[in-house]
């Protein structure tokens, strides 16, 4: 049961990470950010992705394990 809870929490965190990444990409494409902000966001997103990989490793999970099948709606997490 503990592993399932960890997987659920990491699924939510990964979903939020991917949403933040998409929002950052939109803002970069719109030219809303300075070069410094773009660099800082890029570094932050890389660190978040690295940390997610570390957490999955610690709990014996793969990022693919976090993707829930929603039946006819497809999968919860889009492929990044």
PDB file of N, CA and C in Angstrom:
ATOM      1  N   UNK A   1       0.822  -1.197   0.000  1.00  0.00           N
ATOM      2  CA  UNK A   1       0.000   0.000   0.000  1.00  0.00           C
ATOM      3  C   UNK A   1       0.863   1.257   0.000  1.00  0.00           C
ATOM      4  N   UNK A   2       1.980   1.268   0.732  1.00  0.00           N
ATOM      5  CA  UNK A   2       2.847   2.432   0.794  1.00  0.00           C
ATOM      6  C   UNK A   2       3.419   2.793  -0.557  1.00  0.00           C
ATOM      7  N   UNK A   3       3.812   1.786  -1.330  1.00  0.00           N
ATOM      8  CA  UNK A   3       4.378   2.033  -2.657  1.00  0.00           C
ATOM      9  C   UNK A   3       3.326   2.642  -3.578  1.00  0.00           C
ATOM     10  N   UNK A   4       2.083   2.192  -3.454  1.00  0.00           N
ATOM     11  CA  UNK A   4       0.995   2.743  -4.275  1.00  0.00           C
ATOM     12  C   UNK A   4       0.764   4.217  -3.957  1.00  0.00           C
ATOM     13  N   UNK A   5       0.837   4.572  -2.689  1.00  0.00           N
ATOM     14  CA  UNK A   5       0.664   5.965  -2.292  1.00  0.00           C
ATOM     15  C   UNK A   5       1.805   6.823  -2.828  1.00  0.00           C
ATOM     16  N   UNK A   6       3.022   6.315  -2.727  1.00  0.00           N
ATOM     17  CA  UNK A   6       4.177   7.038  -3.274  1.00  0.00           C
ATOM     18  C   UNK A   6       3.995   7.235  -4.775  1.00  0.00           C
ATOM     19  N   UNK A   7       3.559   6.198  -5.482  1.00  0.00           N
ATOM     20  CA  UNK A   7       3.342   6.294  -6.921  1.00  0.00           C
ATOM     21  C   UNK A   7       2.280   7.345  -7.245  1.00  0.00           C
ATOM     22  N   UNK A   8       1.217   7.384  -6.457  1.00  0.00           N
ATOM     23  CA  UNK A   8       0.161   8.372  -6.684  1.00  0.00           C
ATOM     24  C   UNK A   8       0.679   9.789  -6.464  1.00  0.00           C
ATOM     25  N   UNK A   9       1.402  10.003  -5.390  1.00  0.00           N
ATOM     26  CA  UNK A   9       1.957  11.332  -5.099  1.00  0.00           C
ATOM     27  C   UNK A   9       2.927  11.744  -6.204  1.00  0.00           C
ATOM     28  N   UNK A  10       3.800  10.840  -6.609  1.00  0.00           N
ATOM     29  CA  UNK A  10       4.753  11.167  -7.671  1.00  0.00           C
ATOM     30  C   UNK A  10       4.046  11.405  -9.002  1.00  0.00           C
ATOM     31  N   UNK A  11       2.929  10.726  -9.235  1.00  0.00           N
ATOM     32  CA  UNK A  11       2.146  10.973 -10.447  1.00  0.00           C
ATOM     33  C   UNK A  11       1.630  12.407 -10.466  1.00  0.00           C
ATOM     34  N   UNK A  12       1.093  12.858  -9.354  1.00  0.00           N
ATOM     35  CA  UNK A  12       0.588  14.236  -9.264  1.00  0.00           C
ATOM     36  C   UNK A  12       1.729  15.234  -9.443  1.00  0.00           C
ATOM     37  N   UNK A  13       2.854  14.978  -8.807  1.00  0.00           N
ATOM     38  CA  UNK A  13       4.011  15.869  -8.926  1.00  0.00           C
ATOM     39  C   UNK A  13       4.500  15.909 -10.375  1.00  0.00           C
ATOM     40  N   UNK A  14       4.565  14.760 -11.031  1.00  0.00           N
ATOM     41  CA  UNK A  14       5.014  14.713 -12.427  1.00  0.00           C
ATOM     42  C   UNK A  14       4.034  15.438 -13.344  1.00  0.00           C
ATOM     43  N   UNK A  15       2.748  15.297 -13.091  1.00  0.00           N
ATOM     44  CA  UNK A  15       1.751  16.015 -13.881  1.00  0.00           C
ATOM     45  C   UNK A  15       1.947  17.521 -13.741  1.00  0.00           C
ATOM     46  N   UNK A  16       2.133  17.986 -12.525  1.00  0.00           N
ATOM     47  CA  UNK A  16       2.363  19.417 -12.292  1.00  0.00           C
ATOM     48  C   UNK A  16       3.662  19.884 -12.952  1.00  0.00           C
ATOM     49  N   UNK A  17       4.706  19.060 -12.890  1.00  0.00           N
ATOM     50  CA  UNK A  17       5.980  19.416 -13.513  1.00  0.00           C
ATOM     51  C   UNK A  17       5.810  19.583 -15.021  1.00  0.00           C
ATOM     52  N   UNK A  18       5.084  18.654 -15.631  1.00  0.00           N
ATOM     53  CA  UNK A  18       4.875  18.741 -17.072  1.00  0.00           C
ATOM     54  C   UNK A  18       4.026  19.952 -17.446  1.00  0.00           C
ATOM     55  N   UNK A  19       3.032  20.262 -16.627  1.00  0.00           N
ATOM     56  CA  UNK A  19       2.212  21.452 -16.886  1.00  0.00           C
ATOM     57  C   UNK A  19       3.046  22.728 -16.768  1.00  0.00           C
ATOM     58  N   UNK A  20       3.914  22.794 -15.774  1.00  0.00           N
ATOM     59  CA  UNK A  20       4.790  23.963 -15.614  1.00  0.00           C
ATOM     60  C   UNK A  20       5.734  24.086 -16.807  1.00  0.00           C
ATOM     61  N   UNK A  21       6.231  22.968 -17.284  1.00  0.00           N
ATOM     62  CA  UNK A  21       7.129  22.973 -18.437  1.00  0.00           C
ATOM     63  C   UNK A  21       6.413  23.507 -19.678  1.00  0.00           C
ATOM     64  N   UNK A  22       5.193  23.064 -19.904  1.00  0.00           N
ATOM     65  CA  UNK A  22       4.434  23.535 -21.059  1.00  0.00           C
ATOM     66  C   UNK A  22       4.141  25.036 -20.960  1.00  0.00           C
ATOM     67  N   UNK A  23       3.801  25.490 -19.771  1.00  0.00           N
ATOM     68  CA  UNK A  23       3.540  26.916 -19.569  1.00  0.00           C
ATOM     69  C   UNK A  23       4.807  27.734 -19.830  1.00  0.00           C
ATOM     70  N   UNK A  24       5.939  27.248 -19.361  1.00  0.00           N
ATOM     71  CA  UNK A  24       7.214  27.943 -19.588  1.00  0.00           C
ATOM     72  C   UNK A  24       7.520  28.017 -21.082  1.00  0.00           C
ATOM     73  N   UNK A  25       7.289  26.926 -21.796  1.00  0.00           N
ATOM     74  CA  UNK A  25       7.538  26.918 -23.240  1.00  0.00           C
ATOM     75  C   UNK A  25       6.646  27.944 -23.936  1.00  0.00           C
ATOM     76  N   UNK A  26       5.378  28.005 -23.547  1.00  0.00           N
ATOM     77  CA  UNK A  26       4.470  29.001 -24.131  1.00  0.00           C
ATOM     78  C   UNK A  26       4.978  30.418 -23.889  1.00  0.00           C
ATOM     79  N   UNK A  27       5.422  30.677 -22.664  1.00  0.00           N
ATOM     80  CA  UNK A  27       5.912  32.022 -22.331  1.00  0.00           C
ATOM     81  C   UNK A  27       7.179  32.367 -23.100  1.00  0.00           C
ATOM     82  N   UNK A  28       8.056  31.389 -23.280  1.00  0.00           N
ATOM     83  CA  UNK A  28       9.273  31.626 -24.058  1.00  0.00           C
ATOM     84  C   UNK A  28       8.897  31.935 -25.502  1.00  0.00           C
ATOM     85  N   UNK A  29       8.001  31.141 -26.081  1.00  0.00           N
ATOM     86  CA  UNK A  29       7.582  31.348 -27.468  1.00  0.00           C
ATOM     87  C   UNK A  29       6.899  32.692 -27.669  1.00  0.00           C
ATOM     88  N   UNK A  30       6.198  33.186 -26.650  1.00  0.00           N
ATOM     89  CA  UNK A  30       5.528  34.486 -26.732  1.00  0.00           C
ATOM     90  C   UNK A  30       6.489  35.641 -26.502  1.00  0.00           C
ATOM     91  N   UNK A  31       7.686  35.340 -26.049  1.00  0.00           N
ATOM     92  CA  UNK A  31       8.667  36.391 -25.790  1.00  0.00           C
ATOM     93  C   UNK A  31       8.409  37.159 -24.507  1.00  0.00           C
ATOM     94  N   UNK A  32       7.698  36.543 -23.559  1.00  0.00           N
ATOM     95  CA  UNK A  32       7.342  37.201 -22.295  1.00  0.00           C
ATOM     96  C   UNK A  32       8.482  37.231 -21.282  1.00  0.00           C
ATOM     97  N   UNK A  33       9.564  36.512 -21.552  1.00  0.00           N
ATOM     98  CA  UNK A  33      10.617  36.346 -20.553  1.00  0.00           C
ATOM     99  C   UNK A  33      11.944  36.918 -21.045  1.00  0.00           C
ATOM    100  N   UNK A  34      12.723  37.408 -20.107  1.00  0.00           N
ATOM    101  CA  UNK A  34      14.069  37.862 -20.443  1.00  0.00           C
ATOM    102  C   UNK A  34      14.974  36.644 -20.638  1.00  0.00           C
ATOM    103  N   UNK A  35      16.151  36.862 -21.200  1.00  0.00           N
ATOM    104  CA  UNK A  35      17.093  35.760 -21.391  1.00  0.00           C
ATOM    105  C   UNK A  35      17.462  35.121 -20.053  1.00  0.00           C
ATOM    106  N   UNK A  36      17.639  35.939 -19.023  1.00  0.00           N
ATOM    107  CA  UNK A  36      17.967  35.424 -17.695  1.00  0.00           C
ATOM    108  C   UNK A  36      16.859  34.575 -17.125  1.00  0.00           C
ATOM    109  N   UNK A  37      15.617  35.003 -17.330  1.00  0.00           N
ATOM    110  CA  UNK A  37      14.478  34.229 -16.845  1.00  0.00           C
ATOM    111  C   UNK A  37      14.356  32.899 -17.578  1.00  0.00           C
ATOM    112  N   UNK A  38      14.617  32.920 -18.881  1.00  0.00           N
ATOM    113  CA  UNK A  38      14.562  31.689 -19.669  1.00  0.00           C
ATOM    114  C   UNK A  38      15.608  30.705 -19.155  1.00  0.00           C
ATOM    115  N   UNK A  39      16.811  31.194 -18.903  1.00  0.00           N
ATOM    116  CA  UNK A  39      17.880  30.334 -18.396  1.00  0.00           C
ATOM    117  C   UNK A  39      17.522  29.769 -17.026  1.00  0.00           C
ATOM    118  N   UNK A  40      16.991  30.625 -16.150  1.00  0.00           N
ATOM    119  CA  UNK A  40      16.639  30.182 -14.798  1.00  0.00           C
ATOM    120  C   UNK A  40      15.520  29.137 -14.835  1.00  0.00           C
ATOM    121  N   UNK A  41      14.523  29.349 -15.650  1.00  0.00           N
ATOM    122  CA  UNK A  41      13.425  28.389 -15.763  1.00  0.00           C
ATOM    123  C   UNK A  41      13.939  27.072 -16.318  1.00  0.00           C
ATOM    124  N   UNK A  42      14.794  27.142 -17.327  1.00  0.00           N
ATOM    125  CA  UNK A  42      15.358  25.925 -17.907  1.00  0.00           C
ATOM    126  C   UNK A  42      16.123  25.113 -16.885  1.00  0.00           C
ATOM    127  N   UNK A  43      16.956  25.794 -16.103  1.00  0.00           N
ATOM    128  CA  UNK A  43      17.721  25.098 -15.065  1.00  0.00           C
ATOM    129  C   UNK A  43      16.806  24.486 -14.013  1.00  0.00           C
ATOM    130  N   UNK A  44      15.808  25.237 -13.603  1.00  0.00           N
ATOM    131  CA  UNK A  44      14.867  24.752 -12.599  1.00  0.00           C
ATOM    132  C   UNK A  44      14.122  23.515 -13.089  1.00  0.00           C
ATOM    133  N   UNK A  45      13.662  23.547 -14.332  1.00  0.00           N
ATOM    134  CA  UNK A  45      12.942  22.400 -14.880  1.00  0.00           C
ATOM    135  C   UNK A  45      13.852  21.184 -15.011  1.00  0.00           C
ATOM    136  N   UNK A  46      15.118  21.397 -15.361  1.00  0.00           N
ATOM    137  CA  UNK A  46      16.061  20.279 -15.431  1.00  0.00           C
ATOM    138  C   UNK A  46      16.285  19.672 -14.052  1.00  0.00           C
ATOM    139  N   UNK A  47      16.405  20.530 -13.031  1.00  0.00           N
ATOM    140  CA  UNK A  47      16.592  20.028 -11.667  1.00  0.00           C
ATOM    141  C   UNK A  47      15.356  19.253 -11.204  1.00  0.00           C
ATOM    142  N   UNK A  48      14.173  19.754 -11.528  1.00  0.00           N
ATOM    143  CA  UNK A  48      12.941  19.051 -11.146  1.00  0.00           C
ATOM    144  C   UNK A  48      12.860  17.680 -11.808  1.00  0.00           C
ATOM    145  N   UNK A  49      13.219  17.619 -13.080  1.00  0.00           N
ATOM    146  CA  UNK A  49      13.183  16.342 -13.780  1.00  0.00           C
ATOM    147  C   UNK A  49      14.196  15.371 -13.176  1.00  0.00           C
ATOM    148  N   UNK A  50      15.394  15.867 -12.869  1.00  0.00           N
ATOM    149  CA  UNK A  50      16.408  15.024 -12.226  1.00  0.00           C
ATOM    150  C   UNK A  50      15.918  14.508 -10.880  1.00  0.00           C
ATOM    151  N   UNK A  51      15.289  15.373 -10.118  1.00  0.00           N
ATOM    152  CA  UNK A  51      14.800  14.986  -8.787  1.00  0.00           C
ATOM    153  C   UNK A  51      13.687  13.947  -8.898  1.00  0.00           C
ATOM    154  N   UNK A  52      12.812  14.105  -9.897  1.00  0.00           N
ATOM    155  CA  UNK A  52      11.759  13.112 -10.104  1.00  0.00           C
ATOM    156  C   UNK A  52      12.372  11.752 -10.422  1.00  0.00           C
ATOM    157  N   UNK A  53      13.406  11.742 -11.247  1.00  0.00           N
ATOM    158  CA  UNK A  53      14.076  10.494 -11.584  1.00  0.00           C
ATOM    159  C   UNK A  53      14.690   9.874 -10.333  1.00  0.00           C
ATOM    160  N   UNK A  54      15.319  10.704  -9.491  1.00  0.00           N
ATOM    161  CA  UNK A  54      15.907  10.209  -8.238  1.00  0.00           C
ATOM    162  C   UNK A  54      14.835   9.605  -7.330  1.00  0.00           C
ATOM    163  N   UNK A  55      13.718  10.302  -7.187  1.00  0.00           N
ATOM    164  CA  UNK A  55      12.639   9.807  -6.320  1.00  0.00           C
ATOM    165  C   UNK A  55      12.071   8.492  -6.848  1.00  0.00           C
ATOM    166  N   UNK A  56      11.905   8.405  -8.146  1.00  0.00           N
ATOM    167  CA  UNK A  56      11.418   7.149  -8.728  1.00  0.00           C
ATOM    168  C   UNK A  56      12.408   6.030  -8.448  1.00  0.00           C
ATOM    169  N   UNK A  57      13.690   6.301  -8.639  1.00  0.00           N
ATOM    170  CA  UNK A  57      14.719   5.294  -8.375  1.00  0.00           C
ATOM    171  C   UNK A  57      14.687   4.840  -6.913  1.00  0.00           C
ATOM    172  N   UNK A  58      14.538   5.786  -6.008  1.00  0.00           N
ATOM    173  CA  UNK A  58      14.515   5.469  -4.573  1.00  0.00           C
ATOM    174  C   UNK A  58      13.362   4.542  -4.215  1.00  0.00           C
ATOM    175  N   UNK A  59      12.268   4.644  -4.965  1.00  0.00           N
ATOM    176  CA  UNK A  59      11.067   3.870  -4.627  1.00  0.00           C
ATOM    177  C   UNK A  59      10.809   2.737  -5.626  1.00  0.00           C
ATOM    178  N   UNK A  60      11.809   2.446  -6.452  1.00  0.00           N
ATOM    179  CA  UNK A  60      11.682   1.328  -7.388  1.00  0.00           C
ATOM    180  C   UNK A  60      10.647   1.548  -8.471  1.00  0.00           C
ATOM    181  N   UNK A  61      10.498   2.786  -8.912  1.00  0.00           N
ATOM    182  CA  UNK A  61       9.514   3.113  -9.936  1.00  0.00           C
ATOM    183  C   UNK A  61      10.215   3.673 -11.168  1.00  0.00           C
ATOM    184  N   UNK A  62       9.543   3.580 -12.291  1.00  0.00           N
ATOM    185  CA  UNK A  62       9.969   4.229 -13.529  1.00  0.00           C
ATOM    186  C   UNK A  62       8.968   5.350 -13.800  1.00  0.00           C
ATOM    187  N   UNK A  63       9.381   6.364 -14.556  1.00  0.00           N
ATOM    188  CA  UNK A  63       8.437   7.432 -14.881  1.00  0.00           C
ATOM    189  C   UNK A  63       7.209   6.874 -15.598  1.00  0.00           C
ATOM    190  N   UNK A  64       7.379   5.825 -16.408  1.00  0.00           N
ATOM    191  CA  UNK A  64       6.235   5.208 -17.087  1.00  0.00           C
ATOM    192  C   UNK A  64       5.252   4.578 -16.111  1.00  0.00           C
ATOM    193  N   UNK A  65       5.734   4.174 -14.935  1.00  0.00           N
ATOM    194  CA  UNK A  65       4.852   3.596 -13.914  1.00  0.00           C
ATOM    195  C   UNK A  65       3.863   4.624 -13.374  1.00  0.00           C
ATOM    196  N   UNK A  66       4.184   5.900 -13.543  1.00  0.00           N
ATOM    197  CA  UNK A  66       3.344   6.959 -12.991  1.00  0.00           C
ATOM    198  C   UNK A  66       2.178   7.322 -13.905  1.00  0.00           C
ATOM    199  N   UNK A  67       2.222   6.852 -15.125  1.00  0.00           N
ATOM    200  CA  UNK A  67       1.193   7.214 -16.089  1.00  0.00           C
ATOM    201  C   UNK A  67      -0.022   6.317 -15.922  1.00  0.00           C
ATOM    202  N   UNK A  68      -1.145   6.907 -15.584  1.00  0.00           N
ATOM    203  CA  UNK A  68      -2.382   6.164 -15.359  1.00  0.00           C
ATOM    204  C   UNK A  68      -3.163   6.033 -16.662  1.00  0.00           C
ATOM    205  N   UNK A  69      -3.693   4.850 -16.907  1.00  0.00           N
ATOM    206  CA  UNK A  69      -4.533   4.613 -18.074  1.00  0.00           C
ATOM    207  C   UNK A  69      -5.949   5.056 -17.742  1.00  0.00           C
ATOM    208  N   UNK A  70      -6.442   6.018 -18.492  1.00  0.00           N
ATOM    209  CA  UNK A  70      -7.781   6.548 -18.244  1.00  0.00           C
ATOM    210  C   UNK A  70      -8.810   5.968 -19.217  1.00  0.00           C
ATOM    211  N   UNK A  71      -8.526   4.794 -19.719  1.00  0.00           N
ATOM    212  CA  UNK A  71      -9.461   4.123 -20.621  1.00  0.00           C
ATOM    213  C   UNK A  71      -9.618   4.869 -21.927  1.00  0.00           C
ATOM    214  N   UNK A  72     -10.864   5.168 -22.307  1.00  0.00           N
ATOM    215  CA  UNK A  72     -11.097   5.823 -23.599  1.00  0.00           C
ATOM    216  C   UNK A  72     -10.487   7.230 -23.686  1.00  0.00           C
ATOM    217  N   UNK A  73     -10.162   7.825 -22.557  1.00  0.00           N
ATOM    218  CA  UNK A  73      -9.563   9.164 -22.566  1.00  0.00           C
ATOM    219  C   UNK A  73      -8.063   9.119 -22.854  1.00  0.00           C
ATOM    220  N   UNK A  74      -7.494   7.944 -22.800  1.00  0.00           N
ATOM    221  CA  UNK A  74      -6.046   7.816 -23.022  1.00  0.00           C
ATOM    222  C   UNK A  74      -5.308   7.805 -21.695  1.00  0.00           C
ATOM    223  N   UNK A  75      -4.055   8.210 -21.743  1.00  0.00           N
ATOM    224  CA  UNK A  75      -3.244   8.205 -20.524  1.00  0.00           C
ATOM    225  C   UNK A  75      -3.279   9.569 -19.859  1.00  0.00           C
ATOM    226  N   UNK A  76      -3.034   9.582 -18.556  1.00  0.00           N
ATOM    227  CA  UNK A  76      -3.069  10.814 -17.775  1.00  0.00           C
ATOM    228  C   UNK A  76      -1.932  11.748 -18.171  1.00  0.00           C
ATOM    229  N   UNK A  77      -0.719  11.214 -18.216  1.00  0.00           N
ATOM    230  CA  UNK A  77       0.446  12.047 -18.487  1.00  0.00           C
ATOM    231  C   UNK A  77       0.794  12.029 -19.961  1.00  0.00           C
ATOM    232  N   UNK A  78       0.872  13.210 -20.545  1.00  0.00           N
ATOM    233  CA  UNK A  78       1.344  13.244 -21.935  1.00  0.00           C
ATOM    234  C   UNK A  78       2.825  12.889 -21.944  1.00  0.00           C
ATOM    235  N   UNK A  79       3.284  12.336 -23.016  1.00  0.00           N
ATOM    236  CA  UNK A  79       4.708  12.015 -23.129  1.00  0.00           C
ATOM    237  C   UNK A  79       5.470  13.301 -23.302  1.00  0.00           C
ATOM    238  N   UNK A  80       6.499  13.464 -22.466  1.00  0.00           N
ATOM    239  CA  UNK A  80       7.283  14.705 -22.574  1.00  0.00           C
ATOM    240  C   UNK A  80       8.470  14.507 -23.475  1.00  0.00           C
TER     241      UNK A  80
END
